[in-house]
N, C-alpha and C. Protein backbone atom coordinates (compact mmCIF):
# COMPACT_ATOMS: atom_id res chain seq x y z
N MET A 1 -28.72 48.80 61.80
CA MET A 1 -28.99 47.59 62.23
C MET A 1 -27.97 46.78 61.12
N ASN A 2 -27.07 45.71 61.80
CA ASN A 2 -26.42 45.25 60.99
C ASN A 2 -26.74 44.18 60.13
N ARG A 3 -28.18 43.48 60.23
CA ARG A 3 -28.62 42.76 59.39
C ARG A 3 -29.00 42.85 58.08
N TYR A 4 -28.46 42.08 56.90
CA TYR A 4 -28.69 42.47 55.69
C TYR A 4 -30.11 42.26 55.51
N PRO A 5 -30.68 43.06 54.40
CA PRO A 5 -31.88 42.62 54.02
C PRO A 5 -32.15 41.29 53.53
N GLN A 6 -33.52 40.67 53.48
CA GLN A 6 -33.69 39.23 53.72
C GLN A 6 -33.10 38.82 52.35
N ALA A 7 -33.54 39.25 51.25
CA ALA A 7 -33.16 38.81 50.08
C ALA A 7 -31.75 38.51 49.89
N ASP A 8 -30.77 39.47 50.20
CA ASP A 8 -29.34 39.20 50.54
C ASP A 8 -29.30 37.84 51.58
N ILE A 9 -29.84 37.67 52.31
CA ILE A 9 -29.62 37.09 53.33
C ILE A 9 -29.79 35.61 52.44
N ASP A 10 -30.95 35.45 51.72
CA ASP A 10 -31.64 34.53 51.19
C ASP A 10 -30.32 33.65 49.82
N ALA A 11 -30.02 34.62 49.50
CA ALA A 11 -29.06 34.98 48.63
C ALA A 11 -27.67 34.17 49.05
N VAL A 12 -27.42 34.53 50.03
CA VAL A 12 -25.97 34.20 50.83
C VAL A 12 -26.23 32.56 50.91
N TYR A 13 -27.08 32.24 51.31
CA TYR A 13 -27.64 31.01 52.04
C TYR A 13 -27.79 29.67 50.47
N ARG A 14 -28.60 30.46 49.41
CA ARG A 14 -28.51 29.68 48.51
C ARG A 14 -27.36 29.18 47.39
N ALA A 15 -25.84 30.31 47.91
CA ALA A 15 -24.79 30.10 46.81
C ALA A 15 -24.19 28.55 47.55
N ILE A 16 -24.80 29.09 49.15
CA ILE A 16 -23.47 28.03 49.92
C ILE A 16 -24.32 26.44 49.66
N ARG A 17 -25.94 26.50 49.38
CA ARG A 17 -26.59 25.48 49.47
C ARG A 17 -26.11 24.58 48.15
N GLU A 18 -26.22 25.44 47.22
CA GLU A 18 -25.97 24.99 45.64
C GLU A 18 -24.55 25.19 45.19
N ARG A 19 -23.64 25.52 45.85
CA ARG A 19 -22.35 25.29 45.50
C ARG A 19 -22.01 23.87 45.16
N ARG A 20 -21.37 23.44 44.15
CA ARG A 20 -20.43 22.16 43.56
C ARG A 20 -19.34 21.99 43.18
N ASP A 21 -18.44 20.80 43.33
CA ASP A 21 -17.64 20.80 42.93
C ASP A 21 -17.67 20.05 41.49
N MET A 22 -17.21 21.15 40.34
CA MET A 22 -17.51 20.62 39.17
C MET A 22 -16.47 19.89 38.20
N ARG A 23 -17.00 19.31 37.44
CA ARG A 23 -15.65 18.55 36.58
C ARG A 23 -16.31 18.77 35.00
N HIS A 24 -17.43 19.05 34.74
CA HIS A 24 -17.93 19.18 33.24
C HIS A 24 -18.42 20.21 33.16
N PHE A 25 -17.46 20.75 32.23
CA PHE A 25 -17.61 22.31 31.76
C PHE A 25 -17.71 22.88 30.15
N LYS A 26 -17.78 23.65 29.58
CA LYS A 26 -17.89 24.22 28.55
C LYS A 26 -16.74 24.88 27.84
N PRO A 27 -16.20 24.56 27.01
CA PRO A 27 -14.78 25.72 26.54
C PRO A 27 -14.87 27.15 26.66
N ASP A 28 -16.25 27.77 26.83
CA ASP A 28 -16.21 29.24 26.37
C ASP A 28 -15.32 29.93 27.50
N PRO A 29 -14.93 31.11 27.05
CA PRO A 29 -14.15 31.89 27.60
C PRO A 29 -14.76 32.46 29.06
N VAL A 30 -13.96 32.76 29.75
CA VAL A 30 -14.53 33.63 31.02
C VAL A 30 -14.54 34.88 30.67
N ASP A 31 -15.31 36.04 31.46
CA ASP A 31 -15.01 37.39 31.32
C ASP A 31 -14.25 37.74 32.18
N PRO A 32 -13.45 38.69 31.64
CA PRO A 32 -12.28 38.98 32.37
C PRO A 32 -12.45 39.42 33.77
N ASP A 33 -13.93 40.41 33.70
CA ASP A 33 -14.17 41.24 34.64
C ASP A 33 -14.77 40.09 35.69
N ILE A 34 -15.01 39.35 35.28
CA ILE A 34 -15.54 38.30 36.47
C ILE A 34 -14.37 37.45 36.96
N MET A 35 -13.41 37.18 36.12
CA MET A 35 -12.50 36.57 36.71
C MET A 35 -11.47 37.69 37.84
N GLN A 36 -11.49 38.88 37.52
CA GLN A 36 -10.93 39.70 38.19
C GLN A 36 -12.05 39.79 39.91
N ARG A 37 -13.29 39.47 39.95
CA ARG A 37 -13.97 39.87 41.08
C ARG A 37 -14.28 38.26 41.54
N LEU A 38 -13.75 37.48 41.14
CA LEU A 38 -13.32 35.93 41.95
C LEU A 38 -12.22 36.10 42.41
N LEU A 39 -10.89 37.04 41.84
CA LEU A 39 -9.98 36.88 42.63
C LEU A 39 -9.97 37.92 43.69
N ALA A 40 -10.78 38.69 43.44
CA ALA A 40 -11.10 40.03 44.82
C ALA A 40 -11.78 39.20 45.68
N ALA A 41 -12.82 38.21 45.29
CA ALA A 41 -13.67 37.64 46.41
C ALA A 41 -12.81 36.70 47.29
N ALA A 42 -11.68 35.99 46.78
CA ALA A 42 -10.76 35.16 47.09
C ALA A 42 -9.78 35.69 48.28
N HIS A 43 -9.16 36.97 47.70
CA HIS A 43 -8.43 37.86 48.81
C HIS A 43 -8.74 38.61 49.88
N PHE A 44 -10.58 38.76 49.64
CA PHE A 44 -10.99 39.06 50.73
C PHE A 44 -11.36 38.20 52.23
N ALA A 45 -10.88 36.89 51.55
CA ALA A 45 -10.88 35.63 52.80
C ALA A 45 -10.30 35.93 54.08
N PRO A 46 -10.85 35.58 55.08
CA PRO A 46 -10.33 35.67 56.36
C PRO A 46 -8.78 34.69 56.44
N SER A 47 -7.70 35.18 57.04
CA SER A 47 -6.67 34.70 57.20
C SER A 47 -5.64 34.63 58.58
N VAL A 48 -5.23 33.61 59.03
CA VAL A 48 -4.69 33.40 60.50
C VAL A 48 -3.90 34.59 60.22
N GLY A 49 -3.55 35.41 61.34
CA GLY A 49 -2.92 36.64 61.42
C GLY A 49 -2.42 37.64 60.23
N PHE A 50 -3.57 37.72 59.90
CA PHE A 50 -3.70 38.41 58.80
C PHE A 50 -2.63 38.08 57.62
N MET A 51 -1.86 37.00 57.39
CA MET A 51 -0.85 36.91 56.80
C MET A 51 -1.37 36.71 55.47
N GLN A 52 -1.85 36.29 54.83
CA GLN A 52 -2.81 36.53 53.84
C GLN A 52 -1.80 35.61 52.89
N PRO A 53 -1.54 33.96 52.73
CA PRO A 53 -0.79 33.23 52.12
C PRO A 53 -0.73 32.87 51.09
N TRP A 54 -2.11 33.18 50.47
CA TRP A 54 -2.50 32.91 48.98
C TRP A 54 -1.84 33.53 47.96
N HIS A 55 -1.51 32.54 47.02
CA HIS A 55 -0.57 32.97 45.53
C HIS A 55 -1.98 32.24 44.37
N PHE A 56 -1.67 32.63 43.10
CA PHE A 56 -2.54 31.99 42.50
C PHE A 56 -2.19 32.78 41.27
N ILE A 57 -1.73 31.20 40.46
CA ILE A 57 -0.81 31.03 39.14
C ILE A 57 -1.94 31.06 37.52
N ARG A 58 -1.99 31.78 37.15
CA ARG A 58 -3.43 31.54 35.99
C ARG A 58 -2.33 31.02 35.21
N ILE A 59 -3.34 29.63 34.59
CA ILE A 59 -2.59 29.00 33.73
C ILE A 59 -3.37 29.28 31.86
N ARG A 60 -2.59 30.14 31.36
CA ARG A 60 -2.85 30.34 30.14
C ARG A 60 -2.77 29.26 29.10
N SER A 61 -1.60 28.56 29.25
CA SER A 61 -0.89 28.11 27.84
C SER A 61 -1.93 26.50 27.94
N ALA A 62 -2.13 26.15 26.38
CA ALA A 62 -2.76 24.90 26.39
C ALA A 62 -1.85 23.76 26.75
N GLU A 63 -0.49 23.86 26.17
CA GLU A 63 0.78 23.22 26.55
C GLU A 63 0.84 22.65 27.91
N LEU A 64 0.73 24.25 28.95
CA LEU A 64 1.17 23.55 30.12
C LEU A 64 0.03 23.14 31.04
N ARG A 65 -1.42 23.21 30.36
CA ARG A 65 -2.74 22.50 30.85
C ARG A 65 -2.39 21.16 30.48
N ARG A 66 -2.23 20.70 29.76
CA ARG A 66 -1.84 19.12 29.14
C ARG A 66 -1.01 18.45 30.01
N ARG A 67 0.46 19.49 30.10
CA ARG A 67 1.13 18.49 31.23
C ARG A 67 0.77 18.71 32.68
N MET A 68 0.45 19.28 33.02
CA MET A 68 -0.55 19.30 34.31
C MET A 68 -1.70 18.45 34.29
N HIS A 69 -2.08 18.13 33.06
CA HIS A 69 -3.46 16.93 33.19
C HIS A 69 -2.71 15.74 33.03
N ALA A 70 -1.66 15.70 32.72
CA ALA A 70 -0.37 14.49 32.62
C ALA A 70 -0.26 14.49 34.27
N LEU A 71 -0.05 14.82 34.95
CA LEU A 71 0.73 15.08 36.53
C LEU A 71 -0.85 14.25 37.22
N VAL A 72 -2.04 14.69 36.44
CA VAL A 72 -3.12 14.66 37.40
C VAL A 72 -3.26 13.07 37.11
N GLU A 73 -3.50 12.41 35.66
CA GLU A 73 -3.58 11.32 35.55
C GLU A 73 -2.76 10.53 36.20
N GLU A 74 -1.54 10.56 36.26
CA GLU A 74 -0.29 10.12 36.92
C GLU A 74 -0.69 9.49 38.29
N GLU A 75 -1.25 10.78 38.93
CA GLU A 75 -1.63 10.44 40.75
C GLU A 75 -3.11 9.68 40.46
N ARG A 76 -4.01 10.22 39.59
CA ARG A 76 -5.22 9.43 39.66
C ARG A 76 -5.09 7.94 39.64
N ILE A 77 -4.14 7.37 38.87
CA ILE A 77 -3.84 5.74 38.77
C ILE A 77 -3.04 5.33 40.34
N GLN A 78 -2.35 6.16 40.69
CA GLN A 78 -1.64 5.95 41.79
C GLN A 78 -3.17 5.75 42.92
N THR A 79 -3.71 6.59 43.06
CA THR A 79 -4.96 6.80 44.18
C THR A 79 -5.73 5.67 43.83
N ALA A 80 -6.12 5.42 42.49
CA ALA A 80 -7.04 3.92 42.23
C ALA A 80 -6.15 2.97 42.71
N ARG A 81 -5.33 2.57 43.05
CA ARG A 81 -4.32 1.46 43.04
C ARG A 81 -4.45 1.76 44.17
N ALA A 82 -4.20 2.66 45.43
CA ALA A 82 -4.43 3.22 47.02
C ALA A 82 -5.72 2.55 47.50
N LEU A 83 -6.76 2.48 46.40
CA LEU A 83 -7.93 2.16 46.90
C LEU A 83 -8.40 1.10 47.27
N GLY A 84 -7.85 0.10 46.77
CA GLY A 84 -7.70 -1.69 46.80
C GLY A 84 -8.99 -2.00 45.95
N GLU A 85 -9.99 -2.15 46.62
CA GLU A 85 -11.27 -2.94 45.91
C GLU A 85 -12.35 -1.69 45.22
N ARG A 86 -12.04 -0.64 45.87
CA ARG A 86 -12.77 -0.02 44.91
C ARG A 86 -12.02 1.27 43.70
N GLU A 87 -11.10 0.45 43.16
CA GLU A 87 -10.17 0.97 42.20
C GLU A 87 -11.24 0.75 40.82
N ASP A 88 -11.61 -0.02 40.52
CA ASP A 88 -12.52 -0.08 39.45
C ASP A 88 -13.75 1.15 39.18
N ALA A 89 -14.25 1.58 40.46
CA ALA A 89 -15.40 2.44 40.61
C ALA A 89 -14.32 3.81 40.42
N PHE A 90 -13.71 4.15 41.13
CA PHE A 90 -13.14 5.05 40.88
C PHE A 90 -12.59 5.82 39.65
N MET A 91 -11.43 4.78 38.94
CA MET A 91 -11.21 5.13 37.59
C MET A 91 -12.45 5.66 36.60
N LYS A 92 -13.68 5.20 37.25
CA LYS A 92 -15.08 5.57 35.98
C LYS A 92 -15.45 6.99 36.66
N LEU A 93 -14.60 7.36 37.62
CA LEU A 93 -15.24 8.57 37.89
C LEU A 93 -14.75 9.74 36.74
N LYS A 94 -14.88 10.90 36.81
CA LYS A 94 -14.44 11.95 36.37
C LYS A 94 -14.03 13.07 37.34
N VAL A 95 -12.69 13.28 37.55
CA VAL A 95 -12.26 13.58 38.67
C VAL A 95 -11.76 15.22 38.63
N GLU A 96 -11.40 15.59 37.45
CA GLU A 96 -11.10 16.71 37.01
C GLU A 96 -11.63 17.51 35.66
N GLY A 97 -11.74 18.76 35.05
CA GLY A 97 -12.12 19.50 33.73
C GLY A 97 -10.77 20.30 33.35
N LEU A 98 -9.59 19.68 33.22
CA LEU A 98 -8.51 20.71 33.19
C LEU A 98 -8.31 20.79 31.68
N LEU A 99 -8.79 19.95 30.80
CA LEU A 99 -8.37 20.19 29.52
C LEU A 99 -9.99 21.04 28.85
N ASP A 100 -11.34 20.89 29.63
CA ASP A 100 -12.41 21.47 29.03
C ASP A 100 -12.92 22.91 29.82
N CYS A 101 -12.39 23.56 30.56
CA CYS A 101 -12.79 24.51 31.13
C CYS A 101 -12.10 26.15 30.80
N GLY A 102 -12.97 27.02 31.05
CA GLY A 102 -12.10 28.30 30.30
C GLY A 102 -11.10 28.80 30.91
N GLU A 103 -10.88 28.74 32.33
CA GLU A 103 -9.78 29.05 33.01
C GLU A 103 -9.29 27.90 34.31
N VAL A 104 -7.92 28.24 34.24
CA VAL A 104 -7.55 27.35 35.19
C VAL A 104 -6.60 27.76 36.15
N LEU A 105 -6.15 28.12 37.29
CA LEU A 105 -5.67 28.13 38.56
C LEU A 105 -4.92 27.58 39.54
N VAL A 106 -3.97 27.87 39.70
CA VAL A 106 -3.34 26.82 40.94
C VAL A 106 -3.14 27.85 41.85
N ALA A 107 -3.34 27.64 43.05
CA ALA A 107 -3.46 28.21 44.45
C ALA A 107 -2.31 27.60 45.08
N ALA A 108 -1.47 28.56 45.73
CA ALA A 108 -0.47 28.02 46.54
C ALA A 108 0.05 28.96 47.48
N LEU A 109 0.71 28.26 48.27
CA LEU A 109 0.84 28.44 49.50
C LEU A 109 2.21 29.53 49.78
N MET A 110 2.33 30.75 50.11
CA MET A 110 4.02 31.31 49.88
C MET A 110 4.57 30.93 50.66
N ASP A 111 5.78 31.21 50.24
CA ASP A 111 6.74 31.22 50.72
C ASP A 111 6.98 31.83 51.98
N GLY A 112 7.99 31.62 52.91
CA GLY A 112 8.89 32.52 54.12
C GLY A 112 7.35 32.63 54.98
N ARG A 113 6.56 31.32 54.89
CA ARG A 113 5.37 31.33 56.13
C ARG A 113 5.92 31.31 57.49
N GLU A 114 7.45 30.80 57.46
CA GLU A 114 7.76 29.91 59.22
C GLU A 114 8.21 31.85 60.04
N ARG A 115 7.93 33.12 59.32
CA ARG A 115 7.90 34.12 60.21
C ARG A 115 6.80 34.47 60.45
N HIS A 116 5.81 33.99 60.05
CA HIS A 116 4.07 34.27 60.62
C HIS A 116 4.02 32.97 61.91
N VAL A 117 4.36 34.06 62.69
CA VAL A 117 3.85 32.78 64.06
C VAL A 117 2.51 33.19 64.93
N PHE A 118 1.99 34.61 64.63
CA PHE A 118 0.55 34.60 65.38
C PHE A 118 -0.28 33.84 64.63
N GLY A 119 -0.89 33.11 65.83
CA GLY A 119 -1.90 31.90 65.27
C GLY A 119 -1.47 30.56 64.50
N ARG A 120 0.04 30.59 64.66
CA ARG A 120 0.49 29.10 64.50
C ARG A 120 1.43 28.75 64.90
N ARG A 121 1.77 29.33 65.91
CA ARG A 121 3.00 28.70 66.56
C ARG A 121 2.31 27.42 67.28
N THR A 122 1.15 26.89 67.32
CA THR A 122 0.76 25.35 68.20
C THR A 122 -0.18 25.10 66.91
N LEU A 123 -0.64 25.87 65.77
CA LEU A 123 -1.21 25.28 64.72
C LEU A 123 -0.60 25.53 63.61
N PRO A 124 0.20 25.34 62.95
CA PRO A 124 1.24 25.82 61.84
C PRO A 124 -0.05 25.54 60.55
N GLU A 125 -0.69 24.62 60.44
CA GLU A 125 -1.79 24.51 59.42
C GLU A 125 -2.30 25.25 58.98
N MET A 126 -2.56 26.35 59.80
CA MET A 126 -3.33 27.69 59.83
C MET A 126 -3.44 28.29 58.58
N ASP A 127 -2.36 28.22 57.57
CA ASP A 127 -1.91 28.71 56.78
C ASP A 127 -2.71 27.90 55.76
N LEU A 128 -2.85 26.64 55.58
CA LEU A 128 -3.46 26.16 54.56
C LEU A 128 -5.01 26.25 54.82
N ALA A 129 -5.84 26.52 56.21
CA ALA A 129 -6.61 26.73 56.18
C ALA A 129 -7.26 28.03 55.97
N SER A 130 -6.06 29.03 55.58
CA SER A 130 -6.59 30.33 55.17
C SER A 130 -6.86 30.45 53.78
N VAL A 131 -5.57 29.35 53.37
CA VAL A 131 -5.91 29.47 51.58
C VAL A 131 -7.49 28.85 51.47
N ALA A 132 -7.55 27.61 52.23
CA ALA A 132 -9.09 26.63 51.99
C ALA A 132 -9.94 28.15 51.95
N CYS A 133 -9.81 28.39 53.02
CA CYS A 133 -11.00 30.22 52.76
C CYS A 133 -11.12 30.73 51.97
N ALA A 134 -9.81 31.05 51.29
CA ALA A 134 -9.69 32.33 50.04
C ALA A 134 -10.39 31.52 48.86
N ILE A 135 -10.46 29.79 48.73
CA ILE A 135 -11.19 29.26 47.56
C ILE A 135 -12.31 29.13 47.67
N GLN A 136 -13.00 28.76 49.29
CA GLN A 136 -14.17 28.84 49.65
C GLN A 136 -14.92 30.14 48.90
N ASN A 137 -14.68 31.19 49.27
CA ASN A 137 -14.82 32.74 48.98
C ASN A 137 -15.09 32.87 47.29
N MET A 138 -14.11 32.03 46.90
CA MET A 138 -13.67 32.38 45.02
C MET A 138 -14.62 31.17 44.46
N TRP A 139 -15.33 30.42 45.05
CA TRP A 139 -16.36 29.08 44.44
C TRP A 139 -18.02 29.69 45.05
N LEU A 140 -18.12 30.41 46.28
CA LEU A 140 -19.12 31.13 46.50
C LEU A 140 -19.61 32.20 45.44
N ALA A 141 -18.23 32.66 45.06
CA ALA A 141 -18.45 33.92 44.22
C ALA A 141 -18.65 33.44 42.83
N ALA A 142 -18.25 32.39 42.25
CA ALA A 142 -18.32 31.54 41.07
C ALA A 142 -19.88 30.91 40.99
N ARG A 143 -20.49 30.34 42.03
CA ARG A 143 -21.25 29.63 42.02
C ARG A 143 -23.04 31.08 41.59
N ALA A 144 -22.72 32.34 42.47
CA ALA A 144 -23.32 33.21 42.22
C ALA A 144 -23.29 34.08 40.41
N GLU A 145 -21.70 33.94 40.48
CA GLU A 145 -22.33 34.62 38.70
C GLU A 145 -22.28 33.22 37.67
N GLY A 146 -22.93 32.01 38.24
CA GLY A 146 -23.35 31.25 37.30
C GLY A 146 -22.01 30.31 36.63
N LEU A 147 -20.99 30.53 37.09
CA LEU A 147 -19.70 29.69 36.87
C LEU A 147 -19.45 28.10 37.70
N GLY A 148 -18.77 27.14 37.51
CA GLY A 148 -18.46 26.41 37.90
C GLY A 148 -16.92 26.34 38.33
N LEU A 149 -16.94 25.76 39.24
CA LEU A 149 -15.28 25.80 39.79
C LEU A 149 -15.22 24.40 40.64
N GLY A 150 -14.13 23.74 39.87
CA GLY A 150 -13.99 22.36 40.40
C GLY A 150 -12.07 22.55 41.13
N TRP A 151 -12.35 21.98 42.64
CA TRP A 151 -10.78 21.80 42.89
C TRP A 151 -10.33 20.54 43.05
N VAL A 152 -9.06 20.50 42.26
CA VAL A 152 -8.61 19.29 41.92
C VAL A 152 -7.16 18.90 42.75
N SER A 153 -7.13 17.91 43.86
CA SER A 153 -6.44 18.20 44.50
C SER A 153 -5.51 16.56 44.25
N ILE A 154 -5.76 15.89 42.81
CA ILE A 154 -4.66 14.83 42.89
C ILE A 154 -3.74 14.87 41.55
N PHE A 155 -2.46 15.09 42.64
CA PHE A 155 -1.28 15.84 41.77
C PHE A 155 -0.04 15.32 43.15
N ASP A 156 0.86 15.59 42.38
CA ASP A 156 1.98 15.16 43.08
C ASP A 156 2.29 16.91 43.69
N PRO A 157 2.56 17.61 44.47
CA PRO A 157 2.66 18.72 44.87
C PRO A 157 4.06 19.34 44.39
N ALA A 158 5.29 18.56 44.62
CA ALA A 158 6.76 18.39 44.25
C ALA A 158 6.83 18.59 42.66
N LYS A 159 6.46 17.78 42.33
CA LYS A 159 5.97 17.74 40.75
C LYS A 159 5.38 18.97 40.36
N LEU A 160 4.35 19.56 40.44
CA LEU A 160 3.62 20.77 40.33
C LEU A 160 4.56 21.69 40.35
N ALA A 161 4.81 21.65 41.62
CA ALA A 161 5.70 23.05 41.83
C ALA A 161 7.13 23.04 41.02
N ALA A 162 7.86 22.23 40.63
CA ALA A 162 8.42 22.41 39.84
C ALA A 162 8.16 22.67 37.86
N LEU A 163 7.27 22.22 37.90
CA LEU A 163 6.31 22.19 36.78
C LEU A 163 6.08 24.12 36.21
N LEU A 164 5.90 24.42 37.44
CA LEU A 164 5.60 26.09 37.64
C LEU A 164 6.49 27.13 38.05
N SER A 165 8.01 26.52 38.46
CA SER A 165 8.81 27.00 38.79
C SER A 165 8.51 27.69 40.46
N ILE A 166 7.83 26.89 40.95
CA ILE A 166 7.33 27.67 42.82
C ILE A 166 8.27 27.45 43.38
N PRO A 167 8.78 28.19 43.97
CA PRO A 167 10.13 28.27 45.04
C PRO A 167 10.13 27.33 45.75
N PRO A 168 11.38 27.04 46.35
CA PRO A 168 11.13 26.36 47.48
C PRO A 168 10.59 26.84 48.91
N GLY A 169 9.89 26.38 49.50
CA GLY A 169 8.91 26.93 50.58
C GLY A 169 7.79 27.43 50.54
N ALA A 170 7.44 27.58 49.12
CA ALA A 170 6.25 27.89 48.68
C ALA A 170 5.26 26.22 48.35
N ARG A 171 4.50 26.02 48.37
CA ARG A 171 3.81 24.82 48.12
C ARG A 171 2.47 25.20 47.42
N PRO A 172 2.34 24.04 46.12
CA PRO A 172 0.97 24.24 45.60
C PRO A 172 -0.48 23.24 46.29
N VAL A 173 -1.27 23.64 46.08
CA VAL A 173 -2.24 22.82 47.10
C VAL A 173 -3.77 22.74 46.62
N ALA A 174 -4.16 23.41 45.25
CA ALA A 174 -5.04 23.03 44.50
C ALA A 174 -4.94 23.52 43.16
N ILE A 175 -5.52 23.13 42.06
CA ILE A 175 -5.84 23.46 41.00
C ILE A 175 -6.89 23.31 40.87
N LEU A 176 -7.35 25.15 40.18
CA LEU A 176 -8.81 25.16 40.16
C LEU A 176 -9.26 25.46 39.00
N CYS A 177 -10.56 24.85 38.27
CA CYS A 177 -10.74 24.62 37.21
C CYS A 177 -11.96 25.46 37.21
N ILE A 178 -12.27 26.62 36.49
CA ILE A 178 -13.40 27.63 36.74
C ILE A 178 -13.93 27.76 35.27
N GLY A 179 -15.23 27.72 35.04
CA GLY A 179 -16.15 27.99 33.70
C GLY A 179 -17.02 27.69 33.87
N HIS A 180 -17.76 27.69 32.35
CA HIS A 180 -19.27 27.59 31.84
C HIS A 180 -19.47 26.61 31.90
N VAL A 181 -20.74 26.19 32.67
CA VAL A 181 -21.33 24.63 32.55
C VAL A 181 -23.01 24.48 31.98
N GLU A 182 -23.25 23.16 31.43
CA GLU A 182 -24.58 22.69 30.72
C GLU A 182 -25.13 23.47 32.10
N ALA A 183 -25.49 22.71 33.34
CA ALA A 183 -25.98 22.77 34.34
C ALA A 183 -24.95 22.62 35.64
N PHE A 184 -25.68 22.76 36.75
CA PHE A 184 -24.89 22.61 38.06
C PHE A 184 -25.54 21.07 38.32
N TYR A 185 -24.80 20.20 39.25
CA TYR A 185 -25.25 18.99 39.41
C TYR A 185 -26.46 19.16 40.81
N GLU A 186 -27.55 18.28 40.42
CA GLU A 186 -28.71 18.72 41.24
C GLU A 186 -28.02 18.23 42.61
N ARG A 187 -26.70 17.22 43.08
CA ARG A 187 -26.14 17.03 44.57
C ARG A 187 -25.26 16.71 44.27
N PRO A 188 -24.55 17.01 45.39
CA PRO A 188 -22.48 16.56 44.73
C PRO A 188 -22.40 15.57 44.10
N MET A 189 -21.67 15.62 42.93
CA MET A 189 -21.30 14.54 42.13
C MET A 189 -20.76 13.42 42.57
N LEU A 190 -20.49 12.71 43.78
CA LEU A 190 -19.64 12.13 44.29
C LEU A 190 -21.01 11.29 44.96
N GLU A 191 -22.31 12.15 45.51
CA GLU A 191 -22.76 11.53 46.06
C GLU A 191 -24.25 11.02 44.84
N GLN A 192 -23.84 11.70 43.88
CA GLN A 192 -24.87 11.20 42.62
C GLN A 192 -24.16 9.87 42.09
N GLU A 193 -23.07 9.60 41.92
CA GLU A 193 -22.56 8.65 41.62
C GLU A 193 -22.16 7.57 43.01
N ASN A 194 -23.01 7.61 43.68
CA ASN A 194 -22.97 6.57 44.66
C ASN A 194 -21.51 6.38 45.50
N TRP A 195 -20.50 7.03 45.48
CA TRP A 195 -19.47 7.04 46.02
C TRP A 195 -19.65 7.29 47.57
N ALA A 196 -20.16 8.44 47.88
CA ALA A 196 -20.08 8.61 49.09
C ALA A 196 -21.52 9.44 49.82
N SER A 197 -21.86 9.82 50.51
CA SER A 197 -23.43 10.33 51.00
C SER A 197 -22.92 11.48 51.79
N ARG A 198 -23.85 12.27 51.92
CA ARG A 198 -23.67 13.23 53.27
C ARG A 198 -23.92 12.96 54.36
N GLN A 199 -23.47 13.21 55.58
CA GLN A 199 -23.47 12.55 56.74
C GLN A 199 -24.58 13.64 57.31
N ASN A 200 -25.07 13.15 58.73
CA ASN A 200 -26.21 13.86 59.11
C ASN A 200 -25.68 14.68 60.14
N LEU A 201 -25.73 16.03 59.83
CA LEU A 201 -25.23 17.12 60.60
C LEU A 201 -25.29 16.37 61.91
N ALA A 202 -26.54 16.18 62.74
CA ALA A 202 -26.87 15.75 63.89
C ALA A 202 -25.75 14.87 64.48
N ASP A 203 -25.10 14.06 63.89
CA ASP A 203 -24.18 13.03 64.28
C ASP A 203 -22.80 13.57 64.51
N LEU A 204 -22.61 15.15 63.59
CA LEU A 204 -21.23 15.82 64.15
C LEU A 204 -21.19 16.86 64.69
N VAL A 205 -22.17 16.97 65.62
CA VAL A 205 -22.36 17.94 66.48
C VAL A 205 -22.52 17.41 67.99
N TYR A 206 -21.84 17.53 68.77
CA TYR A 206 -21.52 17.35 70.07
C TYR A 206 -21.70 18.52 70.81
N ASP A 207 -22.13 18.10 72.23
CA ASP A 207 -22.17 19.13 73.75
C ASP A 207 -21.25 19.11 74.56
N GLU A 208 -20.43 20.25 75.02
CA GLU A 208 -19.72 20.13 75.90
C GLU A 208 -18.37 19.32 75.68
N ARG A 209 -18.47 18.10 75.04
CA ARG A 209 -16.99 17.28 75.11
C ARG A 209 -17.63 15.81 73.92
N TRP A 210 -16.30 15.49 73.86
CA TRP A 210 -16.27 14.32 72.74
C TRP A 210 -16.95 13.30 73.21
N PRO A 211 -17.98 12.72 72.89
CA PRO A 211 -18.59 11.93 73.53
C PRO A 211 -17.95 10.43 73.60
N ASP A 212 -18.14 9.42 74.13
CA ASP A 212 -17.77 8.56 74.50
C ASP A 212 -17.91 7.45 73.78
N ALA A 213 -16.72 6.57 73.39
CA ALA A 213 -16.64 5.49 72.29
C ALA A 213 -17.84 4.60 72.64
């Protein structure tokens, strides 16, 4: 029988349901064994053509964190301006926990991806989708371990690549803040802050073809 015991099934769905994009952290260190389990969970993710395009850079230096935070802040201001009438509301949101969390990772696409054609000839962006799967694995594992994880995408990739000596052809796609939290948000933070609301699933599932406009 391939089905898991019901308790295990319930635990999987609970982690999916209770996962949150966290921005508020406590500075307590993360157990190294747990960090290794999270990285292993990421590495077990599916990838197109089994290319495994993910690389992770652990940021241990406080000074490097501050410089990364400055890059995020620079882009946060540019994003706010691009939002027009929502600029003020956006600037009130907490969008990252870089200076607060126990661990910081940068997830990056590897270089030399052009040689991987399997599954990417018509959809080259599947390398990015594969990295996203790795991050989601880590996210769910972190939630099960009682740790928060926040995905930060507000940065200039070229500037972050230069800061971290990422070679040409590779590309940073996420800053991951990981650590202990006082509590997980009851609902997604942006929903709690009335920035956006969850769409109705029934409106996103179509039969046979895209519906007429």
